[in-house]
């Protein structure tokens, strides 16, 4: 069973907007992460940056998404030498549509935040695989392997 990926238009680093449906027929990886320049998020962005040429070789577009502003994203990319384009979902509308905006607990406090999640979208705009509560080590490699089967 597949679900159609909710369409959206968001600002992306580099100054343009990205509309998901306009990327077809390219398959797309969207990885949702909590915050720029934090330990796990940095490692995840670095892993996808490292594998970006392999994704591009098989025609798959990769985007990271968080609630951080474009200015924050661009600073993060420059500081960490990242190449994966980052989308800004400051109002968390897209995060809510994809079901990644969740209640989280840390240090005894409850708050709303992005649950680290990745979705793989095929050439028709359908979500063919979804990874929830992602553990960063080895994750980008696993997503690349799944993308190769499209």
N, C-alpha and C. Protein backbone atom coordinates (compact mmCIF):
# COMPACT_ATOMS: atom_id res chain seq x y z
N UNK A 1 0.84 -1.19 0.00
CA UNK A 1 0.00 0.00 0.00
C UNK A 1 0.88 1.25 0.00
N UNK A 2 0.55 2.20 -0.85
CA UNK A 2 1.33 3.44 -0.89
C UNK A 2 0.40 4.63 -0.63
N UNK A 3 0.98 5.65 -0.10
CA UNK A 3 0.26 6.91 0.12
C UNK A 3 0.89 7.96 -0.77
N UNK A 4 0.07 8.83 -1.33
CA UNK A 4 0.61 9.94 -2.09
C UNK A 4 1.25 10.93 -1.11
N UNK A 5 2.45 11.37 -1.45
CA UNK A 5 3.16 12.33 -0.60
C UNK A 5 2.43 13.67 -0.65
N UNK A 6 2.13 14.26 0.51
CA UNK A 6 1.50 15.59 0.49
C UNK A 6 2.38 16.59 -0.26
N UNK A 7 1.77 17.33 -1.19
CA UNK A 7 2.52 18.31 -1.96
C UNK A 7 2.78 19.55 -1.10
N UNK A 8 3.83 20.26 -1.42
CA UNK A 8 4.15 21.49 -0.68
C UNK A 8 5.08 22.35 -1.53
N UNK A 9 5.16 23.61 -1.14
CA UNK A 9 6.17 24.53 -1.67
C UNK A 9 6.83 25.18 -0.46
N UNK A 10 8.15 25.05 -0.39
CA UNK A 10 8.91 25.62 0.73
C UNK A 10 10.15 26.34 0.20
N UNK A 11 10.61 27.36 0.94
CA UNK A 11 11.88 28.00 0.57
C UNK A 11 13.05 27.04 0.81
N UNK A 12 14.03 27.09 -0.09
CA UNK A 12 15.20 26.23 0.01
C UNK A 12 16.46 27.09 0.04
N UNK A 13 17.51 26.56 0.63
CA UNK A 13 18.78 27.28 0.65
C UNK A 13 19.19 27.59 -0.78
N UNK A 14 19.76 28.76 -0.98
CA UNK A 14 20.15 29.17 -2.32
C UNK A 14 19.15 30.13 -2.93
N UNK A 15 18.00 30.36 -2.26
CA UNK A 15 17.12 31.43 -2.67
C UNK A 15 15.88 31.11 -3.46
N UNK A 16 15.65 29.89 -3.82
CA UNK A 16 14.45 29.54 -4.59
C UNK A 16 13.41 28.93 -3.67
N UNK A 17 12.30 28.51 -4.27
CA UNK A 17 11.31 27.68 -3.58
C UNK A 17 11.33 26.32 -4.26
N UNK A 18 11.00 25.29 -3.51
CA UNK A 18 10.88 23.95 -4.06
C UNK A 18 9.44 23.50 -3.91
N UNK A 19 8.84 23.05 -5.02
CA UNK A 19 7.51 22.45 -4.99
C UNK A 19 7.69 20.97 -5.26
N UNK A 20 7.24 20.15 -4.31
CA UNK A 20 7.48 18.71 -4.42
C UNK A 20 6.98 18.13 -5.74
N UNK A 21 5.75 18.43 -6.13
CA UNK A 21 5.18 17.83 -7.35
C UNK A 21 5.95 18.24 -8.61
N UNK A 22 6.62 19.39 -8.56
CA UNK A 22 7.39 19.85 -9.72
C UNK A 22 8.69 19.06 -9.92
N UNK A 23 9.07 18.28 -8.91
CA UNK A 23 10.31 17.49 -9.00
C UNK A 23 10.10 16.18 -9.77
N UNK A 24 8.83 15.78 -9.95
CA UNK A 24 8.56 14.54 -10.69
C UNK A 24 9.08 14.66 -12.11
N UNK A 25 9.58 13.61 -12.72
CA UNK A 25 9.53 12.22 -12.27
C UNK A 25 10.72 11.79 -11.42
N UNK A 26 11.49 12.72 -10.88
CA UNK A 26 12.60 12.30 -10.02
C UNK A 26 12.08 11.75 -8.70
N UNK A 27 12.61 10.60 -8.26
CA UNK A 27 12.32 10.17 -6.90
C UNK A 27 12.94 11.18 -5.92
N UNK A 28 12.39 11.26 -4.73
CA UNK A 28 12.84 12.26 -3.75
C UNK A 28 12.98 11.61 -2.37
N UNK A 29 14.06 11.99 -1.68
CA UNK A 29 14.23 11.64 -0.27
C UNK A 29 14.03 12.93 0.52
N UNK A 30 13.14 12.89 1.50
CA UNK A 30 12.97 14.00 2.44
C UNK A 30 13.38 13.49 3.81
N UNK A 31 14.38 14.14 4.42
CA UNK A 31 14.68 13.76 5.79
C UNK A 31 14.37 14.94 6.71
N UNK A 32 13.47 14.66 7.64
CA UNK A 32 13.04 15.66 8.62
C UNK A 32 13.95 15.53 9.84
N UNK A 33 14.51 16.66 10.29
CA UNK A 33 15.40 16.61 11.44
C UNK A 33 15.07 17.77 12.38
N UNK A 34 15.34 17.58 13.70
CA UNK A 34 14.89 18.59 14.68
C UNK A 34 15.51 19.98 14.57
N UNK A 35 16.86 20.10 14.53
CA UNK A 35 17.46 21.44 14.59
C UNK A 35 18.81 21.49 13.90
N UNK A 36 19.08 22.64 13.28
CA UNK A 36 20.40 22.88 12.71
C UNK A 36 21.46 22.89 13.80
N UNK A 37 22.64 22.43 13.44
CA UNK A 37 23.83 22.57 14.27
C UNK A 37 23.72 21.91 15.64
N UNK A 38 22.98 20.80 15.72
CA UNK A 38 22.98 19.98 16.93
C UNK A 38 23.66 18.67 16.54
N UNK A 39 24.11 17.92 17.51
CA UNK A 39 24.96 16.76 17.26
C UNK A 39 24.38 15.75 16.28
N UNK A 40 23.22 15.19 16.59
CA UNK A 40 22.62 14.16 15.72
C UNK A 40 22.25 14.70 14.35
N UNK A 41 21.74 15.93 14.35
CA UNK A 41 21.31 16.54 13.07
C UNK A 41 22.52 16.84 12.19
N UNK A 42 23.62 17.24 12.80
CA UNK A 42 24.84 17.49 12.05
C UNK A 42 25.33 16.19 11.43
N UNK A 43 25.37 15.12 12.24
CA UNK A 43 25.82 13.82 11.72
C UNK A 43 24.93 13.33 10.58
N UNK A 44 23.61 13.51 10.71
CA UNK A 44 22.69 13.06 9.67
C UNK A 44 22.91 13.87 8.38
N UNK A 45 23.02 15.19 8.51
CA UNK A 45 23.26 16.04 7.33
C UNK A 45 24.60 15.71 6.67
N UNK A 46 25.62 15.44 7.49
CA UNK A 46 26.93 15.08 6.93
C UNK A 46 26.86 13.75 6.19
N UNK A 47 26.10 12.79 6.72
CA UNK A 47 25.97 11.48 6.07
C UNK A 47 25.28 11.62 4.71
N UNK A 48 24.19 12.39 4.66
CA UNK A 48 23.50 12.58 3.38
C UNK A 48 24.36 13.39 2.41
N UNK A 49 25.12 14.36 2.92
CA UNK A 49 26.03 15.13 2.07
C UNK A 49 27.08 14.20 1.46
N UNK A 50 27.64 13.32 2.27
CA UNK A 50 28.66 12.38 1.81
C UNK A 50 28.12 11.48 0.70
N UNK A 51 26.85 11.07 0.82
CA UNK A 51 26.25 10.14 -0.16
C UNK A 51 25.51 10.86 -1.29
N UNK A 52 25.44 12.19 -1.25
CA UNK A 52 24.68 12.92 -2.26
C UNK A 52 25.09 12.55 -3.70
N UNK A 53 26.39 12.44 -4.01
CA UNK A 53 26.75 12.06 -5.39
C UNK A 53 26.17 10.70 -5.80
N UNK A 54 26.09 9.76 -4.86
CA UNK A 54 25.52 8.44 -5.16
C UNK A 54 24.02 8.54 -5.42
N UNK A 55 23.32 9.40 -4.65
CA UNK A 55 21.88 9.61 -4.90
C UNK A 55 21.69 10.27 -6.27
N UNK A 56 22.53 11.28 -6.57
CA UNK A 56 22.41 11.99 -7.84
C UNK A 56 22.66 11.06 -9.02
N UNK A 57 23.60 10.13 -8.84
CA UNK A 57 23.94 9.17 -9.89
C UNK A 57 22.73 8.32 -10.29
N UNK A 58 21.85 8.02 -9.33
CA UNK A 58 20.65 7.22 -9.63
C UNK A 58 19.41 8.10 -9.82
N UNK A 59 19.64 9.43 -9.91
CA UNK A 59 18.54 10.35 -10.24
C UNK A 59 17.61 10.69 -9.09
N UNK A 60 18.07 10.52 -7.86
CA UNK A 60 17.23 10.79 -6.69
C UNK A 60 17.62 12.14 -6.08
N UNK A 61 16.62 12.99 -5.86
CA UNK A 61 16.85 14.29 -5.21
C UNK A 61 16.72 14.12 -3.71
N UNK A 62 17.58 14.81 -2.95
CA UNK A 62 17.58 14.70 -1.48
C UNK A 62 17.44 16.08 -0.87
N UNK A 63 16.53 16.19 0.11
CA UNK A 63 16.32 17.45 0.83
C UNK A 63 16.20 17.17 2.32
N UNK A 64 16.80 18.05 3.11
CA UNK A 64 16.59 18.04 4.56
C UNK A 64 15.53 19.08 4.89
N UNK A 65 14.72 18.81 5.91
CA UNK A 65 13.67 19.76 6.32
C UNK A 65 13.69 19.91 7.83
N UNK A 66 13.67 21.16 8.29
CA UNK A 66 13.43 21.45 9.71
C UNK A 66 12.70 22.79 9.79
N UNK A 67 12.37 23.20 11.01
CA UNK A 67 11.68 24.47 11.22
C UNK A 67 12.64 25.66 11.22
N UNK A 68 13.94 25.38 11.13
CA UNK A 68 14.90 26.48 11.15
C UNK A 68 14.72 27.38 9.93
N UNK A 69 15.10 28.63 10.08
CA UNK A 69 14.98 29.61 8.99
C UNK A 69 16.02 29.32 7.91
N UNK A 70 15.81 29.89 6.74
CA UNK A 70 16.80 29.77 5.65
C UNK A 70 18.14 30.34 6.10
N UNK A 71 18.12 31.46 6.83
CA UNK A 71 19.38 32.06 7.32
C UNK A 71 20.12 31.07 8.22
N UNK A 72 19.40 30.41 9.10
CA UNK A 72 20.00 29.40 9.98
C UNK A 72 20.56 28.25 9.15
N UNK A 73 19.77 27.77 8.18
CA UNK A 73 20.21 26.67 7.31
C UNK A 73 21.51 27.03 6.58
N UNK A 74 21.55 28.25 6.02
CA UNK A 74 22.72 28.63 5.24
C UNK A 74 23.97 28.74 6.11
N UNK A 75 23.79 29.23 7.33
CA UNK A 75 24.90 29.32 8.27
C UNK A 75 25.40 27.91 8.63
N UNK A 76 24.45 27.02 8.90
CA UNK A 76 24.74 25.62 9.24
C UNK A 76 25.49 24.94 8.09
N UNK A 77 25.01 25.12 6.86
CA UNK A 77 25.64 24.50 5.69
C UNK A 77 27.07 25.01 5.51
N UNK A 78 27.25 26.32 5.66
CA UNK A 78 28.59 26.91 5.49
C UNK A 78 29.55 26.42 6.57
N UNK A 79 29.05 26.37 7.80
CA UNK A 79 29.89 25.96 8.94
C UNK A 79 30.33 24.51 8.81
N UNK A 80 29.42 23.64 8.35
CA UNK A 80 29.70 22.20 8.31
C UNK A 80 30.02 21.68 6.91
N UNK A 81 30.09 22.59 5.92
CA UNK A 81 30.43 22.21 4.55
C UNK A 81 29.42 21.19 3.99
N UNK A 82 28.13 21.49 4.16
CA UNK A 82 27.07 20.59 3.72
C UNK A 82 26.61 20.97 2.31
N UNK A 83 26.19 19.97 1.54
CA UNK A 83 25.75 20.23 0.17
C UNK A 83 24.30 19.85 -0.10
N UNK A 84 23.67 19.12 0.81
CA UNK A 84 22.26 18.76 0.61
C UNK A 84 21.41 20.01 0.82
N UNK A 85 20.54 20.36 -0.15
CA UNK A 85 19.69 21.53 0.02
C UNK A 85 18.75 21.35 1.22
N UNK A 86 18.58 22.43 1.98
CA UNK A 86 17.72 22.38 3.17
C UNK A 86 16.49 23.24 2.98
N UNK A 87 15.34 22.69 3.33
CA UNK A 87 14.06 23.38 3.22
C UNK A 87 13.66 23.92 4.59
N UNK A 88 13.05 25.10 4.59
CA UNK A 88 12.62 25.73 5.84
C UNK A 88 11.11 25.63 5.97
N UNK A 89 10.67 24.95 7.04
CA UNK A 89 9.23 24.78 7.33
C UNK A 89 8.94 25.49 8.65
N UNK A 90 9.13 26.81 8.65
CA UNK A 90 9.03 27.58 9.91
C UNK A 90 7.67 27.47 10.59
N UNK A 91 6.60 27.30 9.80
CA UNK A 91 5.26 27.19 10.40
C UNK A 91 4.89 25.75 10.75
N UNK A 92 5.77 24.81 10.45
CA UNK A 92 5.60 23.37 10.67
C UNK A 92 4.40 22.76 9.95
N UNK A 93 3.88 23.44 8.92
CA UNK A 93 2.74 22.90 8.18
C UNK A 93 3.10 21.57 7.51
N UNK A 94 4.25 21.53 6.84
CA UNK A 94 4.66 20.32 6.13
C UNK A 94 4.98 19.21 7.15
N UNK A 95 5.64 19.58 8.24
CA UNK A 95 5.94 18.60 9.29
C UNK A 95 4.65 17.97 9.83
N UNK A 96 3.62 18.78 9.98
CA UNK A 96 2.33 18.26 10.46
C UNK A 96 1.70 17.35 9.41
N UNK A 97 1.73 17.76 8.13
CA UNK A 97 1.15 16.93 7.06
C UNK A 97 1.83 15.57 6.96
N UNK A 98 3.12 15.53 7.22
CA UNK A 98 3.87 14.27 7.14
C UNK A 98 3.87 13.51 8.48
N UNK A 99 3.21 14.08 9.50
CA UNK A 99 3.09 13.39 10.78
C UNK A 99 4.38 13.28 11.57
N UNK A 100 5.28 14.26 11.39
CA UNK A 100 6.55 14.21 12.11
C UNK A 100 6.61 15.24 13.24
N UNK A 101 5.60 16.11 13.34
CA UNK A 101 5.52 17.12 14.40
C UNK A 101 4.84 16.44 15.58
N UNK A 102 5.64 16.09 16.60
CA UNK A 102 5.15 15.22 17.68
C UNK A 102 5.47 15.81 19.04
N UNK A 103 4.73 15.27 20.02
CA UNK A 103 5.06 15.60 21.41
C UNK A 103 6.30 14.80 21.78
N UNK A 104 7.29 15.50 22.34
CA UNK A 104 8.54 14.86 22.72
C UNK A 104 8.83 15.14 24.18
N UNK A 105 9.65 14.30 24.76
CA UNK A 105 10.05 14.50 26.16
C UNK A 105 11.57 14.50 26.25
N UNK A 106 12.08 15.48 27.00
CA UNK A 106 13.52 15.53 27.25
C UNK A 106 13.76 16.20 28.59
N UNK A 107 14.58 15.57 29.39
CA UNK A 107 14.89 16.10 30.72
C UNK A 107 13.63 16.41 31.52
N UNK A 108 12.65 15.53 31.41
CA UNK A 108 11.41 15.68 32.19
C UNK A 108 10.45 16.73 31.65
N UNK A 109 10.80 17.39 30.57
CA UNK A 109 9.91 18.40 29.99
C UNK A 109 9.24 17.82 28.74
N UNK A 110 7.99 18.20 28.53
CA UNK A 110 7.25 17.80 27.33
C UNK A 110 7.16 19.00 26.41
N UNK A 111 7.40 18.79 25.15
CA UNK A 111 7.35 19.88 24.18
C UNK A 111 7.04 19.31 22.80
N UNK A 112 6.68 20.18 21.87
CA UNK A 112 6.43 19.76 20.49
C UNK A 112 7.72 19.92 19.68
N UNK A 113 7.99 18.95 18.83
CA UNK A 113 9.19 19.02 18.02
C UNK A 113 9.13 18.03 16.87
N UNK A 114 10.14 18.08 16.02
CA UNK A 114 10.21 17.18 14.87
C UNK A 114 10.81 15.85 15.32
N UNK A 115 10.10 14.76 15.02
CA UNK A 115 10.65 13.43 15.24
C UNK A 115 11.45 13.07 13.99
N UNK A 116 12.71 12.73 14.18
CA UNK A 116 13.60 12.43 13.06
C UNK A 116 12.97 11.32 12.20
N UNK A 117 12.63 11.68 10.97
CA UNK A 117 11.89 10.80 10.06
C UNK A 117 12.39 11.02 8.64
N UNK A 118 12.42 9.94 7.84
CA UNK A 118 12.79 10.05 6.44
C UNK A 118 11.71 9.39 5.60
N UNK A 119 11.38 10.01 4.47
CA UNK A 119 10.45 9.40 3.52
C UNK A 119 11.11 9.31 2.15
N UNK A 120 10.83 8.19 1.48
CA UNK A 120 11.30 7.96 0.12
C UNK A 120 10.08 8.02 -0.79
N UNK A 121 10.12 8.94 -1.76
CA UNK A 121 8.98 9.19 -2.65
C UNK A 121 9.39 8.77 -4.06
N UNK A 122 8.54 7.97 -4.71
CA UNK A 122 8.89 7.48 -6.04
C UNK A 122 8.56 8.50 -7.13
N UNK A 123 8.78 8.11 -8.38
CA UNK A 123 8.61 9.00 -9.53
C UNK A 123 7.16 9.46 -9.72
N UNK A 124 6.21 8.72 -9.12
CA UNK A 124 4.79 9.06 -9.25
C UNK A 124 4.29 9.94 -8.10
N UNK A 125 5.18 10.22 -7.14
CA UNK A 125 4.78 11.04 -6.00
C UNK A 125 4.21 10.24 -4.85
N UNK A 126 4.45 8.92 -4.84
CA UNK A 126 3.95 8.07 -3.75
C UNK A 126 5.06 7.78 -2.75
N UNK A 127 4.70 7.75 -1.48
CA UNK A 127 5.66 7.38 -0.44
C UNK A 127 5.80 5.86 -0.48
N UNK A 128 7.00 5.39 -0.83
CA UNK A 128 7.22 3.96 -0.95
C UNK A 128 7.91 3.38 0.29
N UNK A 129 8.56 4.23 1.07
CA UNK A 129 9.17 3.77 2.32
C UNK A 129 9.26 4.95 3.27
N UNK A 130 9.10 4.62 4.55
CA UNK A 130 9.15 5.65 5.58
C UNK A 130 9.93 5.09 6.77
N UNK A 131 10.84 5.90 7.28
CA UNK A 131 11.61 5.53 8.46
C UNK A 131 11.23 6.49 9.57
N UNK A 132 10.66 5.97 10.66
CA UNK A 132 10.29 6.81 11.80
C UNK A 132 11.32 6.61 12.92
N UNK A 133 11.43 7.62 13.79
CA UNK A 133 12.36 7.56 14.94
C UNK A 133 13.75 7.09 14.48
N UNK A 134 14.27 7.76 13.47
CA UNK A 134 15.53 7.39 12.84
C UNK A 134 16.69 7.44 13.83
N UNK A 135 17.51 6.41 13.76
CA UNK A 135 18.81 6.40 14.44
C UNK A 135 19.83 6.73 13.35
N UNK A 136 20.66 7.73 13.57
CA UNK A 136 21.50 8.28 12.51
C UNK A 136 22.56 7.32 11.95
N UNK A 137 23.30 6.58 12.80
CA UNK A 137 24.38 5.76 12.23
C UNK A 137 23.86 4.75 11.20
N UNK A 138 24.41 4.82 9.98
CA UNK A 138 24.04 3.88 8.92
C UNK A 138 22.73 4.20 8.21
N UNK A 139 22.01 5.23 8.67
CA UNK A 139 20.69 5.52 8.10
C UNK A 139 20.75 5.98 6.65
N UNK A 140 21.61 6.94 6.34
CA UNK A 140 21.69 7.47 4.97
C UNK A 140 22.04 6.34 3.99
N UNK A 141 22.90 5.41 4.41
CA UNK A 141 23.27 4.27 3.57
C UNK A 141 22.04 3.38 3.31
N UNK A 142 21.25 3.18 4.36
CA UNK A 142 20.04 2.35 4.23
C UNK A 142 19.05 3.00 3.25
N UNK A 143 18.91 4.32 3.34
CA UNK A 143 18.01 5.05 2.44
C UNK A 143 18.51 4.94 0.99
N UNK A 144 19.82 5.05 0.80
CA UNK A 144 20.40 4.93 -0.55
C UNK A 144 20.10 3.55 -1.12
N UNK A 145 20.27 2.51 -0.31
CA UNK A 145 19.98 1.15 -0.80
C UNK A 145 18.52 1.02 -1.22
N UNK A 146 17.61 1.56 -0.42
CA UNK A 146 16.18 1.50 -0.76
C UNK A 146 15.91 2.29 -2.04
N UNK A 147 16.58 3.43 -2.20
CA UNK A 147 16.37 4.27 -3.39
C UNK A 147 16.86 3.56 -4.65
N UNK A 148 17.89 2.75 -4.52
CA UNK A 148 18.41 2.02 -5.68
C UNK A 148 17.41 1.04 -6.24
N UNK A 149 16.45 0.60 -5.42
CA UNK A 149 15.47 -0.40 -5.87
C UNK A 149 14.30 0.24 -6.61
N UNK A 150 14.28 1.58 -6.72
CA UNK A 150 13.15 2.23 -7.42
C UNK A 150 13.27 2.07 -8.93
